[in-house]
Protein backbone atom coordinates (compact mmCIF):
# COMPACT_ATOMS: atom_id res chain seq x y z
CA UNK A 1 -70.76 64.89 -102.93
CA UNK A 2 -72.71 66.17 -105.88
CA UNK A 3 -76.49 65.92 -105.83
CA UNK A 4 -77.53 62.45 -108.25
CA UNK A 5 -78.42 63.19 -111.43
CA UNK A 6 -81.49 61.50 -112.41
CA UNK A 7 -83.03 60.99 -116.09
CA UNK A 8 -86.82 60.74 -116.31
CA UNK A 9 -88.04 59.47 -119.80
CA UNK A 10 -91.61 60.99 -120.68
CA UNK A 11 -93.09 64.36 -119.81
CA UNK A 12 -96.88 62.83 -119.56
CA UNK A 13 -98.40 62.31 -115.70
CA UNK A 14 -96.01 60.29 -114.61
CA UNK A 15 -93.10 61.92 -116.07
CA UNK A 16 -93.96 65.25 -114.71
CA UNK A 17 -94.77 64.14 -111.24
CA UNK A 18 -91.46 62.34 -111.05
CA UNK A 19 -89.41 65.47 -112.24
CA UNK A 20 -91.47 67.58 -109.70
CA UNK A 21 -90.98 65.17 -106.71
CA UNK A 22 -87.44 64.77 -107.40
CA UNK A 23 -86.80 68.71 -107.78
CA UNK A 24 -88.37 69.12 -104.73
CA UNK A 25 -86.37 66.29 -102.72
CA UNK A 26 -83.02 68.28 -104.17
CA UNK A 27 -82.42 65.52 -106.75
CA UNK A 28 -81.38 67.01 -110.11
CA UNK A 29 -83.76 65.95 -112.75
CA UNK A 30 -83.55 65.96 -116.50
CA UNK A 31 -87.05 65.21 -118.15
CA UNK A 32 -87.05 63.84 -122.00
CA UNK A 33 -90.08 64.25 -123.93
CA UNK A 34 -90.77 63.24 -127.44
CA UNK A 35 -93.31 65.76 -127.89
CA UNK A 36 -93.21 69.33 -128.15
CA UNK A 37 -95.40 70.18 -124.94
CA UNK A 38 -96.32 68.35 -121.43
CA UNK A 39 -98.96 66.20 -121.19
CA UNK A 40 -98.05 63.06 -123.15
CA UNK A 41 -101.25 61.11 -124.16
CA UNK A 42 -103.72 63.74 -123.23
CA UNK A 43 -102.57 66.04 -125.73
CA UNK A 44 -104.73 65.99 -129.00
CA UNK A 45 -101.81 67.20 -131.76
CA UNK A 46 -98.83 66.33 -129.73
CA UNK A 47 -96.22 66.34 -132.02
CA UNK A 48 -94.91 62.89 -130.70
CA UNK A 49 -97.79 61.39 -132.76
CA UNK A 50 -98.63 59.03 -129.94
CA UNK A 51 -101.36 60.66 -128.81
CA UNK A 52 -105.43 58.67 -128.96
CA UNK A 53 -107.00 61.49 -127.43
CA UNK A 54 -110.37 62.69 -129.40
CA UNK A 55 -112.69 65.15 -128.88
CA UNK A 56 -115.48 63.44 -127.05
CA UNK A 57 -112.77 61.62 -124.50
CA UNK A 58 -113.23 62.71 -120.74
CA UNK A 59 -112.30 60.93 -117.53
CA UNK A 60 -113.81 57.73 -116.51
CA UNK A 61 -112.53 58.37 -112.79
CA UNK A 62 -113.89 61.22 -111.19
CA UNK A 63 -112.14 64.68 -110.43
CA UNK A 64 -111.76 64.01 -107.09
CA UNK A 65 -110.08 61.01 -107.17
CA UNK A 66 -107.84 61.42 -110.18
CA UNK A 67 -106.38 64.80 -109.28
CA UNK A 68 -102.50 64.85 -107.81
CA UNK A 69 -103.36 64.97 -104.04
CA UNK A 70 -100.61 67.82 -103.92
CA UNK A 71 -102.16 70.01 -106.92
CA UNK A 72 -106.22 69.94 -106.95
CA UNK A 73 -108.24 70.61 -109.73
CA UNK A 74 -110.27 73.64 -110.40
CA UNK A 75 -113.05 73.51 -107.82
CA UNK A 76 -115.67 74.86 -110.50
CA UNK A 77 -114.65 72.01 -112.99
CA UNK A 78 -117.30 68.91 -113.53
CA UNK A 79 -116.87 65.89 -111.83
CA UNK A 80 -115.82 64.25 -115.27
CA UNK A 81 -113.68 66.54 -117.14
CA UNK A 82 -112.44 66.48 -120.82
CA UNK A 83 -109.16 65.28 -121.96
CA UNK A 84 -108.68 69.21 -123.12
CA UNK A 85 -109.13 70.33 -119.48
CA UNK A 86 -106.46 67.67 -118.19
CA UNK A 87 -104.08 68.34 -120.83
CA UNK A 88 -104.60 72.02 -119.47
CA UNK A 89 -104.61 70.70 -115.99
CA UNK A 90 -101.08 68.96 -116.65
CA UNK A 91 -99.61 72.41 -118.41
CA UNK A 92 -100.27 73.74 -115.18
CA UNK A 93 -98.96 71.59 -112.88
CA UNK A 94 -95.47 71.80 -115.12
CA UNK A 95 -95.59 75.84 -115.20
CA UNK A 96 -96.69 76.13 -111.24
CA UNK A 97 -93.91 73.82 -110.08
CA UNK A 98 -91.31 75.29 -112.52
CA UNK A 99 -90.62 71.96 -114.31
CA UNK A 100 -90.34 73.24 -117.82
CA UNK A 101 -86.76 74.36 -117.91
CA UNK A 102 -85.85 70.90 -116.63
CA UNK A 103 -87.56 68.89 -119.46
CA UNK A 104 -85.90 68.35 -122.96
CA UNK A 105 -88.88 68.44 -125.57
CA UNK A 106 -88.99 67.05 -129.20
CA UNK A 107 -86.37 64.69 -127.95
CA UNK A 108 -86.73 61.05 -128.19
CA UNK A 109 -84.64 58.64 -126.59
CA UNK A 110 -83.13 56.06 -128.69
CA UNK A 111 -81.35 53.87 -125.83
CA UNK A 112 -80.46 53.61 -121.82
CA UNK A 113 -77.43 51.65 -121.15
CA UNK A 114 -75.77 51.01 -118.01
CA UNK A 115 -72.23 51.09 -117.52
CA UNK A 116 -70.17 50.76 -114.52
CA UNK A 117 -70.33 54.25 -113.14
CA UNK A 118 -74.07 55.07 -114.18
CA UNK A 119 -76.63 55.17 -117.22
CA UNK A 120 -75.93 56.72 -120.35
CA UNK A 121 -78.94 58.07 -122.01
CA UNK A 122 -79.07 58.77 -125.69
CA UNK A 123 -81.31 60.48 -128.05
CA UNK A 124 -80.14 61.37 -131.39
CA UNK A 125 -76.74 63.21 -131.09
CA UNK A 126 -77.22 63.76 -127.58
CA UNK A 127 -75.57 61.74 -125.23
CA UNK A 128 -75.78 62.04 -121.46
CA UNK A 129 -74.81 60.32 -118.35
CA UNK A 130 -76.59 60.04 -115.13
CA UNK A 131 -76.67 58.57 -111.55
CA UNK A 132 -80.40 57.20 -112.41
CA UNK A 133 -83.23 57.06 -114.48
CA UNK A 134 -86.99 56.62 -114.02
CA UNK A 135 -88.92 55.39 -116.91
CA UNK A 136 -92.40 57.32 -117.31
CA UNK A 137 -93.21 56.53 -121.13
CA UNK A 138 -96.37 55.40 -120.75
CA UNK A 139 -98.23 52.12 -122.16
CA UNK A 140 -101.16 52.77 -124.15
CA UNK A 141 -99.79 54.17 -127.30
CA UNK A 142 -98.39 51.15 -129.20
CA UNK A 143 -101.55 49.63 -130.42
CA UNK A 144 -102.37 45.59 -130.07
CA UNK A 145 -104.51 44.20 -132.78
CA UNK A 146 -106.01 40.69 -132.16
CA UNK A 147 -103.49 38.01 -132.15
CA UNK A 148 -103.80 35.85 -133.96
CA UNK A 149 -106.04 37.64 -136.62
CA UNK A 150 -109.08 36.52 -137.78
CA UNK A 151 -109.57 34.31 -140.37
CA UNK A 152 -110.13 35.60 -143.83
CA UNK A 153 -109.83 38.81 -145.26
CA UNK A 154 -111.62 41.87 -145.02
CA UNK A 155 -112.20 44.04 -148.10
CA UNK A 156 -113.23 47.47 -146.10
CA UNK A 157 -111.14 50.12 -143.82
CA UNK A 158 -109.76 48.96 -140.89
CA UNK A 159 -108.66 51.09 -137.86
CA UNK A 160 -107.39 50.97 -134.28
CA UNK A 161 -108.92 52.81 -131.86
CA UNK A 162 -105.40 54.98 -131.23
CA UNK A 163 -106.16 56.42 -135.06
CA UNK A 164 -109.76 57.46 -134.34
CA UNK A 165 -110.03 61.24 -134.18
CA UNK A 166 -113.54 62.34 -135.69
CA UNK A 167 -116.71 60.82 -136.29
CA UNK A 168 -117.15 62.06 -139.53
CA UNK A 169 -115.07 59.33 -140.80
CA UNK A 170 -118.09 56.80 -140.09
CA UNK A 171 -120.63 59.11 -141.76
CA UNK A 172 -123.22 56.84 -143.86
CA UNK A 173 -121.15 53.89 -143.28
CA UNK A 174 -121.82 50.46 -141.95
CA UNK A 175 -119.70 50.26 -138.78
CA UNK A 176 -118.32 47.47 -136.67
CA UNK A 177 -116.45 48.12 -133.59
CA UNK A 178 -114.48 45.43 -131.70
CA UNK A 179 -113.84 45.34 -127.97
CA UNK A 180 -115.63 46.78 -124.64
CA UNK A 181 -113.61 48.63 -123.06
CA UNK A 182 -113.94 53.00 -122.38
CA UNK A 183 -112.44 53.47 -126.09
CA UNK A 184 -114.81 51.15 -127.43
CA UNK A 185 -117.77 52.74 -125.63
CA UNK A 186 -116.87 55.80 -126.56
CA UNK A 187 -116.18 55.06 -130.41
CA UNK A 188 -119.44 53.23 -130.83
CA UNK A 189 -121.29 56.08 -129.17
CA UNK A 190 -119.61 58.91 -131.33
CA UNK A 191 -120.34 56.58 -134.53
CA UNK A 192 -123.77 55.97 -133.51
CA UNK A 193 -125.19 59.57 -134.26
CA UNK A 194 -123.79 59.66 -138.19
CA UNK A 195 -123.57 56.08 -139.10
CA UNK A 196 -125.44 54.18 -141.81
CA UNK A 197 -127.64 52.07 -139.11
CA UNK A 198 -127.03 50.75 -135.57
CA UNK A 199 -123.06 50.68 -134.76
CA UNK A 200 -121.99 47.06 -134.28
CA UNK A 201 -120.41 46.35 -131.09
CA UNK A 202 -118.72 43.01 -130.73
CA UNK A 203 -116.97 41.30 -128.18
CA UNK A 204 -115.54 37.84 -126.99
CA UNK A 205 -116.02 38.73 -123.28
CA UNK A 206 -117.94 41.06 -121.39
CA UNK A 207 -117.46 43.63 -118.87
CA UNK A 208 -119.21 45.43 -116.32
CA UNK A 209 -120.49 48.66 -117.25
CA UNK A 210 -120.79 51.36 -114.54
CA UNK A 211 -122.35 54.30 -115.23
CA UNK A 212 -120.42 58.00 -114.46
CA UNK A 213 -122.94 58.46 -111.26
CA UNK A 214 -124.93 55.98 -109.13
CA UNK A 215 -127.34 57.39 -106.40
CA UNK A 216 -126.20 61.03 -107.12
CA UNK A 217 -122.56 60.63 -106.43
CA UNK A 218 -119.63 59.77 -108.69
CA UNK A 219 -119.43 55.93 -109.20
CA UNK A 220 -116.08 55.49 -107.98
CA UNK A 221 -116.97 57.39 -104.43
CA UNK A 222 -118.80 54.42 -103.92
CA UNK A 223 -115.72 52.67 -104.52
CA UNK A 224 -113.67 54.77 -102.18
CA UNK A 225 -116.04 54.67 -99.57
CA UNK A 226 -115.64 50.68 -99.40
CA UNK A 227 -112.04 50.65 -99.99
CA UNK A 228 -111.30 49.47 -96.07
CA UNK A 229 -113.22 46.03 -96.79
CA UNK A 230 -111.66 42.92 -98.09
CA UNK A 231 -111.86 43.30 -101.97
CA UNK A 232 -114.10 40.15 -102.25
CA UNK A 233 -116.47 42.03 -99.91
CA UNK A 234 -116.25 45.25 -101.72
CA UNK A 235 -117.05 43.34 -104.81
CA UNK A 236 -120.28 41.42 -103.69
CA UNK A 237 -121.51 44.97 -102.05
CA UNK A 238 -120.68 46.85 -105.56
CA UNK A 239 -122.21 44.19 -107.72
CA UNK A 240 -125.42 44.43 -105.70
CA UNK A 241 -125.58 48.09 -105.95
CA UNK A 242 -124.57 48.22 -109.79
CA UNK A 243 -127.14 45.67 -110.40
CA UNK A 244 -129.96 47.60 -108.58
CA UNK A 245 -129.03 51.03 -110.29
CA UNK A 246 -128.86 49.82 -113.95
CA UNK A 247 -129.06 46.02 -114.39
CA UNK A 248 -126.90 43.65 -115.87
CA UNK A 249 -124.79 43.48 -119.21
CA UNK A 250 -126.93 40.70 -120.32
CA UNK A 251 -130.21 42.70 -119.78
CA UNK A 252 -128.94 44.89 -122.72
CA UNK A 253 -127.80 42.10 -125.05
CA UNK A 254 -124.55 42.12 -123.95
CA UNK A 255 -122.10 39.06 -123.26
CA UNK A 256 -121.87 38.40 -119.31
CA UNK A 257 -118.83 39.97 -117.62
CA UNK A 258 -115.84 37.24 -117.70
CA UNK A 259 -115.01 38.25 -113.91
CA UNK A 260 -116.28 39.95 -111.17
CA UNK A 261 -116.20 43.66 -110.78
CA UNK A 262 -112.90 44.62 -109.27
CA UNK A 263 -111.40 41.69 -111.29
CA UNK A 264 -111.74 42.76 -114.82
CA UNK A 265 -111.54 46.77 -115.06
CA UNK A 266 -115.05 47.87 -115.80
CA UNK A 267 -116.04 50.10 -118.34
CA UNK A 268 -117.50 53.48 -117.08
CA UNK A 269 -120.06 54.93 -119.15
CA UNK A 270 -123.47 56.96 -119.14
CA UNK A 271 -123.93 56.98 -122.70
CA UNK A 272 -123.49 53.40 -124.17
CA UNK A 273 -126.85 52.04 -122.18
CA UNK A 274 -128.58 55.23 -123.50
CA UNK A 275 -127.58 54.01 -127.25
CA UNK A 276 -128.11 50.14 -126.74
CA UNK A 277 -131.45 50.76 -125.25
CA UNK A 278 -132.52 52.91 -128.33
CA UNK A 279 -131.20 50.65 -130.89
CA UNK A 280 -128.53 53.12 -131.95
CA UNK A 281 -125.81 50.68 -131.03
CA UNK A 282 -126.55 46.92 -131.58
CA UNK A 283 -124.62 44.30 -130.12
CA UNK A 284 -123.02 41.24 -131.21
CA UNK A 285 -120.78 38.24 -130.39
CA UNK A 286 -117.33 37.61 -130.92
CA UNK A 287 -116.05 37.45 -134.57
CA UNK A 288 -115.54 33.67 -136.38
CA UNK A 289 -114.33 35.43 -139.84
CA UNK A 290 -113.79 37.63 -142.25
CA UNK A 291 -115.38 37.38 -145.48
CA UNK A 292 -115.20 40.34 -147.98
CA UNK A 293 -117.53 43.07 -147.25
CA UNK A 294 -118.89 40.83 -144.59
CA UNK A 295 -118.25 39.79 -141.26
CA UNK A 296 -119.40 36.27 -139.96
CA UNK A 297 -119.84 36.12 -136.23
CA UNK A 298 -119.65 33.22 -133.68
CA UNK A 299 -123.51 32.60 -133.66
CA UNK A 300 -123.69 32.23 -137.38
CA UNK A 301 -125.20 35.51 -138.26
CA UNK A 302 -123.55 37.54 -141.08
CA UNK A 303 -123.16 41.38 -141.37
CA UNK A 304 -122.33 43.97 -144.16
CA UNK A 305 -119.63 46.48 -142.72
CA UNK A 306 -117.79 49.48 -144.45
CA UNK A 307 -115.30 49.68 -141.48
CA UNK A 308 -114.02 48.16 -138.34
CA UNK A 309 -112.59 49.33 -135.48
CA UNK A 310 -109.99 47.42 -133.57
CA UNK A 311 -110.58 48.79 -130.01
CA UNK A 312 -108.30 45.75 -128.66
CA UNK A 313 -105.76 47.45 -126.24
CA UNK A 314 -102.04 48.47 -126.44
CA UNK A 315 -98.89 46.56 -125.97
CA UNK A 316 -96.42 47.41 -123.36
CA UNK A 317 -93.69 49.07 -125.11
CA UNK A 318 -90.28 50.62 -123.83
CA UNK A 319 -88.22 50.96 -127.03
CA UNK A 320 -85.09 52.29 -125.55
CA UNK A 321 -84.32 49.30 -123.08
CA UNK A 322 -82.60 45.82 -123.89
CA UNK A 323 -84.03 42.51 -122.84
CA UNK A 324 -81.66 42.46 -120.01
CA UNK A 325 -83.84 44.95 -118.48
CA UNK A 326 -87.29 44.16 -119.30
CA UNK A 327 -87.07 39.71 -120.10
CA UNK A 328 -89.23 38.14 -122.22
CA UNK A 329 -92.17 40.44 -121.78
CA UNK A 330 -92.23 44.14 -120.11
CA UNK A 331 -96.05 43.25 -118.97
CA UNK A 332 -94.49 40.55 -116.83
CA UNK A 333 -91.46 42.51 -115.25
CA UNK A 334 -91.18 42.49 -111.50
CA UNK A 335 -90.64 45.42 -109.77
CA UNK A 336 -90.23 46.48 -106.14
CA UNK A 337 -93.63 48.46 -105.10
CA UNK A 338 -94.09 48.71 -108.42
CA UNK A 339 -91.12 51.01 -109.14
CA UNK A 340 -87.52 49.76 -108.17
CA UNK A 341 -86.03 46.90 -110.63
CA UNK A 342 -85.03 44.22 -108.58
CA UNK A 343 -81.66 43.79 -110.37
CA UNK A 344 -80.58 47.05 -110.11
CA UNK A 345 -82.93 49.95 -108.00
CA UNK A 346 -81.00 53.00 -110.18
CA UNK A 347 -83.50 51.90 -112.84
CA UNK A 348 -87.08 52.79 -111.74
CA UNK A 349 -90.36 52.61 -113.03
CA UNK A 350 -93.08 55.37 -112.95
CA UNK A 351 -96.79 54.36 -114.58
CA UNK A 352 -96.13 50.63 -115.56
CA UNK A 353 -99.13 49.45 -113.65
CA UNK A 354 -102.67 48.83 -114.06
CA UNK A 355 -104.93 50.19 -111.45
CA UNK A 356 -108.42 49.80 -110.14
CA UNK A 357 -108.76 53.39 -110.47
CA UNK A 358 -107.37 56.60 -111.36
CA UNK A 359 -103.68 57.07 -112.62
CA UNK A 360 -102.58 60.55 -111.51
CA UNK A 361 -102.53 59.73 -107.79
CA UNK A 362 -100.98 56.26 -108.31
CA UNK A 363 -97.91 57.93 -110.37
CA UNK A 364 -97.71 60.83 -107.68
CA UNK A 365 -97.19 58.21 -104.67
CA UNK A 366 -94.44 56.37 -107.01
CA UNK A 367 -92.85 59.61 -107.76
CA UNK A 368 -92.58 60.35 -104.41
CA UNK A 369 -91.28 56.57 -103.72
CA UNK A 370 -88.28 57.30 -105.91
CA UNK A 371 -87.67 60.38 -105.06
CA UNK A 372 -87.05 59.91 -101.57
CA UNK A 373 -84.82 56.77 -102.32
CA UNK A 374 -82.70 59.07 -104.92
CA UNK A 375 -82.58 61.70 -102.04
CA UNK A 376 -81.07 59.51 -100.04
CA UNK A 377 -83.68 59.42 -97.18
CA UNK A 378 -85.23 56.13 -97.93
CA UNK A 379 -83.65 52.61 -97.78
CA UNK A 380 -84.93 49.60 -99.56
CA UNK A 381 -85.02 46.57 -97.93
CA UNK A 382 -82.68 43.56 -98.66
CA UNK A 383 -82.62 41.86 -102.06
CA UNK A 384 -84.27 38.80 -100.54
CA UNK A 385 -86.95 41.00 -98.78
CA UNK A 386 -87.98 42.78 -102.00
CA UNK A 387 -88.26 39.73 -104.35
CA UNK A 388 -90.31 38.05 -101.67
CA UNK A 389 -92.40 41.09 -101.05
CA UNK A 390 -92.82 41.02 -105.45
CA UNK A 391 -93.61 37.36 -105.35
CA UNK A 392 -96.55 37.74 -102.59
CA UNK A 393 -97.95 40.47 -104.82
CA UNK A 394 -97.82 38.37 -107.73
CA UNK A 395 -99.37 35.21 -106.26
CA UNK A 396 -102.42 37.78 -104.65
CA UNK A 397 -102.66 39.30 -108.17
CA UNK A 398 -103.05 36.09 -109.89
CA UNK A 399 -105.88 34.70 -107.47
CA UNK A 400 -107.62 38.33 -107.96
CA UNK A 401 -107.14 38.99 -111.70
CA UNK A 402 -105.64 35.68 -113.26
CA UNK A 403 -102.96 35.79 -115.71
CA UNK A 404 -103.99 38.93 -117.57
CA UNK A 405 -101.02 41.31 -116.59
CA UNK A 406 -101.00 40.16 -113.18
CA UNK A 407 -97.33 41.56 -112.69
CA UNK A 408 -98.45 45.28 -113.44
CA UNK A 409 -102.04 45.13 -111.41
CA UNK A 410 -102.38 47.44 -108.08
CA UNK A 411 -105.58 47.92 -106.23
CA UNK A 412 -105.72 51.57 -106.38
CA UNK A 413 -107.20 52.47 -102.82
CA UNK A 414 -104.78 49.99 -101.12
CA UNK A 415 -101.73 51.03 -102.96
CA UNK A 416 -101.75 55.09 -102.20
CA UNK A 417 -102.32 53.96 -98.69
CA UNK A 418 -99.58 51.77 -98.35
CA UNK A 419 -96.75 53.76 -100.59
CA UNK A 420 -96.65 56.04 -97.51
CA UNK A 421 -96.17 53.51 -95.17
CA UNK A 422 -93.41 51.98 -97.01
CA UNK A 423 -91.70 55.59 -97.21
CA UNK A 424 -91.64 55.73 -93.21
CA UNK A 425 -90.43 51.98 -93.21
CA UNK A 426 -87.40 52.89 -96.04
CA UNK A 427 -86.45 56.03 -93.60
CA UNK A 428 -86.58 53.55 -90.17
CA UNK A 429 -84.09 51.20 -92.40
CA UNK A 430 -81.95 53.95 -92.86
CA UNK A 431 -81.96 55.35 -89.63
CA UNK A 432 -80.98 51.32 -88.38
CA UNK A 433 -77.99 51.38 -90.82
CA UNK A 434 -78.98 50.45 -94.31
CA UNK A 435 -77.47 52.38 -96.99
CA UNK A 436 -79.75 54.47 -99.28
CA UNK A 437 -79.20 55.47 -102.74
CA UNK A 438 -77.31 58.84 -101.96
CA UNK A 439 -74.42 56.70 -100.20
CA UNK A 440 -73.54 54.46 -103.24
CA UNK A 441 -70.68 54.92 -105.28
CA UNK A 442 -71.60 57.15 -108.15
CA UNK A 443 -70.27 58.43 -111.49
CA UNK A 444 -68.79 62.05 -111.03
CA UNK A 445 -71.15 63.86 -113.31
CA UNK A 446 -69.62 66.86 -112.42
CA UNK A 447 -67.02 66.73 -114.78
CA UNK A 448 -68.82 69.11 -117.20
CA UNK A 449 -71.60 71.62 -116.14
CA UNK A 450 -74.09 69.63 -117.53
CA UNK A 451 -72.67 66.23 -117.11
CA UNK A 452 -72.86 65.52 -120.88
CA UNK A 453 -70.66 63.40 -122.44
CA UNK A 454 -71.14 64.65 -125.68
CA UNK A 455 -73.25 66.19 -128.49
CA UNK A 456 -74.49 69.56 -129.00
CA UNK A 457 -75.99 72.10 -126.70
CA UNK A 458 -79.84 71.15 -126.28
CA UNK A 459 -82.08 73.68 -128.25
CA UNK A 460 -84.84 74.94 -125.72
CA UNK A 461 -86.52 76.94 -127.94
CA UNK A 462 -89.51 74.89 -127.84
CA UNK A 463 -89.80 74.08 -124.16
């Protein structure tokens, strides 16, 4: 039987990890990437047009906790490398493991459809057939604006954080940034050096703000040390250390966090507290309404504003899959181990999660799990057992994180420790007679050398 062919959609960190692990497992992998180079959202100027990277963007998780386990970052790099360094790192990863020749760059997938004997992937005139599909298209590229919008009309300029590239757009202007995430803080700090007066920072709900260093070490290293403890105990200890080190958000005039540390994702920033204490960034409550060139806040105060930056997050968008596979809301899509579709495990996802820590070790673990399955070395539990496991995980997530994307939430340290154990368990299931993917009936994609149904040869000149 021929090796299975697997399509991987996306060549950011998740897609590159998936292609690399599939090839290492002896599985034929074909990657699709809308942009002209590997690295996805980390690449400034990527021709996909989806990257929101800006010059001051840096990791908000430390190098040691962010790097792929199988491909460490250079030792001489700073603890928090820039986006440009991460883009270089991912390009180096792609070249080192020989992934480039397996990825069709400059190719936008328009549909992925299940047939009786496999999957058909359409990208323009290129139509190809596969035994399985891994979706790795990311979920931080489709901007989400406030829903519903605020009452009134604003006559100044509005942009989403996704559109921000250079602080010069704020020079000598009165700026309002709405949001409390990492991008909101970065943009507020950048703007504060060129704006007309202090940058206003507005939010309906607060978050914990964690500096990048605590007690002389990267802050997330503390989380790693505490990882073996129950999360509520970790939370109490970490909140105590944070309060001793920098105080509370309220002491800087910001709203109180809506939940505890390790529940809502904290904002990682050294610079925002500095700019707040110097008066260059000024906190404001949530918006009540818009009124021409003014913004009215919930406490009744009014400010003249020239430009509003909506740092209000992103939608999960998978435009090439139908509702049959995504349900009414892809944010609520149940997946076994946050990888395998419950209705058909020949459809898998790498990176469709929201981690309490870094993303790269998570997608590396997910890629290894998917590769083990498609290589026939790992067997899934029964469908009923998968459903029960997903239901248990969802109940635990709701207890910890509430109703904001509970299906996508994972505890970083617990997850990256659990996936290798799951692979071992799946190998034991295989030895006991459970059928792995490689023994399933699959389409004979060897009908042509490439397995392609139709369409012109893919131009590899930009790969």
